[in-house]
Amino acid sequence: MAISGNIVTMGNLTATGAYLRVSDITTKKIIDTTSDNNGKWQLVYGVACYVSADERASDRPVPLVAPTVDRFKVITDDEPSDPYAVAYANLKTQSTVANASDLV
């Protein structure tokens, strides 16, 4: 699973049609009685970025450095049954990822 999208890399360069893959996910239940999010679920995910799917599949892939799409957090009422699906759906809505589309 991956998406394609336009992102801005470090150095303010635009990578058009970059290959974006959720690289790691953590989920936890929020236990904080002083927070409005008490009892909700937090999903944090990282994103690995490459210039293309071919680059990612190469013997020595070189990732793009793109701090604007490095890590995101999602708060949900229920524990996600498919955290990766939630992460990819959220990634496609991020303002730092333009023209996002699913890759097969």
C-alpha atoms as a PDB file:
ATOM      1  CA  MET A   1       0.000   0.000   0.000  1.00  0.00           C
ATOM      2  CA  ALA A   2       1.299   3.468  -0.887  1.00  0.00           C
ATOM      3  CA  ILE A   3       0.154   6.769  -2.338  1.00  0.00           C
ATOM      4  CA  SER A   4       1.524   9.192  -4.875  1.00  0.00           C
ATOM      5  CA  GLY A   5       1.493  12.912  -4.230  1.00  0.00           C
ATOM      6  CA  ASN A   6       3.288  16.199  -4.621  1.00  0.00           C
ATOM      7  CA  ILE A   7       5.346  17.207  -1.595  1.00  0.00           C
ATOM      8  CA  VAL A   8       7.891  19.856  -0.679  1.00  0.00           C
ATOM      9  CA  THR A   9      11.268  18.506   0.384  1.00  0.00           C
ATOM     10  CA  MET A  10      13.920  20.043   2.580  1.00  0.00           C
ATOM     11  CA  GLY A  11      15.437  22.853   0.567  1.00  0.00           C
ATOM     12  CA  ASN A  12      11.957  23.880  -0.608  1.00  0.00           C
ATOM     13  CA  LEU A  13      12.028  21.675  -3.730  1.00  0.00           C
ATOM     14  CA  THR A  14       8.790  20.154  -5.009  1.00  0.00           C
ATOM     15  CA  ALA A  15       8.746  16.408  -5.653  1.00  0.00           C
ATOM     16  CA  THR A  16       5.908  15.793  -8.113  1.00  0.00           C
ATOM     17  CA  GLY A  17       4.342  12.344  -7.960  1.00  0.00           C
ATOM     18  CA  ALA A  18       6.476  11.252  -5.012  1.00  0.00           C
ATOM     19  CA  TYR A  19       6.025   7.730  -3.633  1.00  0.00           C
ATOM     20  CA  LEU A  20       4.737   7.945  -0.039  1.00  0.00           C
ATOM     21  CA  ARG A  21       4.544   4.961   2.253  1.00  0.00           C
ATOM     22  CA  VAL A  22       3.411   4.772   5.871  1.00  0.00           C
ATOM     23  CA  SER A  23       6.545   3.506   7.560  1.00  0.00           C
ATOM     24  CA  ASP A  24       5.517   2.934  11.162  1.00  0.00           C
ATOM     25  CA  ILE A  25       2.425   3.245  13.316  1.00  0.00           C
ATOM     26  CA  THR A  26       1.774   3.399  17.016  1.00  0.00           C
ATOM     27  CA  THR A  27      -1.658   3.436  18.640  1.00  0.00           C
ATOM     28  CA  LYS A  28      -2.535   4.094  22.238  1.00  0.00           C
ATOM     29  CA  LYS A  29      -5.540   4.907  24.331  1.00  0.00           C
ATOM     30  CA  ILE A  30      -5.379   8.389  25.824  1.00  0.00           C
ATOM     31  CA  ILE A  31      -5.661   8.340  29.605  1.00  0.00           C
ATOM     32  CA  ASP A  32      -5.693  11.955  30.789  1.00  0.00           C
ATOM     33  CA  THR A  33      -8.678  13.149  32.788  1.00  0.00           C
ATOM     34  CA  THR A  34      -7.655  16.785  32.196  1.00  0.00           C
ATOM     35  CA  SER A  35      -7.839  16.384  28.398  1.00  0.00           C
ATOM     36  CA  ASP A  36     -10.833  16.610  26.080  1.00  0.00           C
ATOM     37  CA  ASN A  37      -9.345  13.523  24.386  1.00  0.00           C
ATOM     38  CA  ASN A  38      -9.492  11.322  27.503  1.00  0.00           C
ATOM     39  CA  GLY A  39     -10.612   7.829  26.513  1.00  0.00           C
ATOM     40  CA  LYS A  40     -10.026   8.389  22.802  1.00  0.00           C
ATOM     41  CA  TRP A  41      -7.381   6.691  20.652  1.00  0.00           C
ATOM     42  CA  GLN A  42      -4.248   8.310  19.282  1.00  0.00           C
ATOM     43  CA  LEU A  43      -2.624   6.971  16.139  1.00  0.00           C
ATOM     44  CA  VAL A  44       0.821   8.352  15.218  1.00  0.00           C
ATOM     45  CA  TYR A  45       2.437   7.404  11.923  1.00  0.00           C
ATOM     46  CA  GLY A  46       5.587   8.177   9.996  1.00  0.00           C
ATOM     47  CA  VAL A  47       5.911   8.574   6.246  1.00  0.00           C
ATOM     48  CA  ALA A  48       8.788   7.367   4.085  1.00  0.00           C
ATOM     49  CA  CYS A  49       9.133   9.448   0.900  1.00  0.00           C
ATOM     50  CA  TYR A  50      10.846   8.512  -2.353  1.00  0.00           C
ATOM     51  CA  VAL A  51      11.057  10.231  -5.716  1.00  0.00           C
ATOM     52  CA  SER A  52       9.189   7.290  -7.308  1.00  0.00           C
ATOM     53  CA  ALA A  53       8.023   3.710  -6.786  1.00  0.00           C
ATOM     54  CA  ASP A  54      10.945   2.562  -8.936  1.00  0.00           C
ATOM     55  CA  GLU A  55      13.383   4.319  -6.599  1.00  0.00           C
ATOM     56  CA  ARG A  56      11.772   2.660  -3.580  1.00  0.00           C
ATOM     57  CA  ALA A  57      12.096  -0.748  -5.264  1.00  0.00           C
ATOM     58  CA  SER A  58      15.740  -0.221  -6.234  1.00  0.00           C
ATOM     59  CA  ASP A  59      18.607  -2.082  -4.567  1.00  0.00           C
ATOM     60  CA  ARG A  60      19.678   1.018  -2.635  1.00  0.00           C
ATOM     61  CA  PRO A  61      16.683   3.343  -2.344  1.00  0.00           C
ATOM     62  CA  VAL A  62      17.434   6.922  -1.326  1.00  0.00           C
ATOM     63  CA  PRO A  63      14.621   8.493   0.684  1.00  0.00           C
ATOM     64  CA  LEU A  64      13.608  12.107   0.266  1.00  0.00           C
ATOM     65  CA  VAL A  65      13.934  14.348   3.312  1.00  0.00           C
ATOM     66  CA  ALA A  66      10.559  16.044   3.673  1.00  0.00           C
ATOM     67  CA  PRO A  67       9.897  17.334   7.204  1.00  0.00           C
ATOM     68  CA  THR A  68       6.417  18.567   6.245  1.00  0.00           C
ATOM     69  CA  VAL A  69       5.241  14.967   5.725  1.00  0.00           C
ATOM     70  CA  ASP A  70       7.478  13.195   8.231  1.00  0.00           C
ATOM     71  CA  ARG A  71       4.979  12.372  10.995  1.00  0.00           C
ATOM     72  CA  PHE A  72       1.269  12.829  11.664  1.00  0.00           C
ATOM     73  CA  LYS A  73      -1.164  12.217  14.519  1.00  0.00           C
ATOM     74  CA  VAL A  74      -4.831  11.192  14.340  1.00  0.00           C
ATOM     75  CA  ILE A  75      -7.275  11.161  17.254  1.00  0.00           C
ATOM     76  CA  THR A  76     -10.271   8.798  16.958  1.00  0.00           C
ATOM     77  CA  ASP A  77     -13.147   7.884  19.249  1.00  0.00           C
ATOM     78  CA  ASP A  78     -12.710   4.137  18.709  1.00  0.00           C
ATOM     79  CA  GLU A  79      -9.658   1.909  18.442  1.00  0.00           C
ATOM     80  CA  PRO A  80      -8.808   1.668  14.715  1.00  0.00           C
ATOM     81  CA  SER A  81      -9.472  -1.854  13.410  1.00  0.00           C
ATOM     82  CA  ASP A  82      -7.085  -1.190  10.490  1.00  0.00           C
ATOM     83  CA  PRO A  83      -4.520   1.432  11.572  1.00  0.00           C
ATOM     84  CA  TYR A  84      -2.813   1.468   8.163  1.00  0.00           C
ATOM     85  CA  ALA A  85      -6.086   2.245   6.370  1.00  0.00           C
ATOM     86  CA  VAL A  86      -6.719   5.097   8.816  1.00  0.00           C
ATOM     87  CA  ALA A  87      -3.169   6.414   8.317  1.00  0.00           C
ATOM     88  CA  TYR A  88      -3.372   6.328   4.501  1.00  0.00           C
ATOM     89  CA  ALA A  89      -6.816   7.959   4.496  1.00  0.00           C
ATOM     90  CA  ASN A  90      -5.493  10.697   6.774  1.00  0.00           C
ATOM     91  CA  LEU A  91      -2.304  11.170   4.739  1.00  0.00           C
ATOM     92  CA  LYS A  92      -4.368  11.833   1.607  1.00  0.00           C
ATOM     93  CA  THR A  93      -6.151  14.697   3.407  1.00  0.00           C
ATOM     94  CA  GLN A  94      -3.010  16.477   4.582  1.00  0.00           C
ATOM     95  CA  SER A  95      -2.482  19.961   3.140  1.00  0.00           C
ATOM     96  CA  THR A  96       1.231  19.165   2.706  1.00  0.00           C
ATOM     97  CA  VAL A  97       0.416  16.380   0.201  1.00  0.00           C
ATOM     98  CA  ALA A  98      -1.089  17.708  -3.043  1.00  0.00           C
ATOM     99  CA  ASN A  99      -2.809  15.569  -5.693  1.00  0.00           C
ATOM    100  CA  ALA A 100      -2.692  12.453  -3.501  1.00  0.00           C
ATOM    101  CA  SER A 101      -3.836   9.204  -5.088  1.00  0.00           C
ATOM    102  CA  ASP A 102      -3.676   5.510  -4.216  1.00  0.00           C
ATOM    103  CA  LEU A 103      -1.049   3.318  -5.835  1.00  0.00           C
ATOM    104  CA  VAL A 104      -1.711  -0.343  -6.511  1.00  0.00           C
END
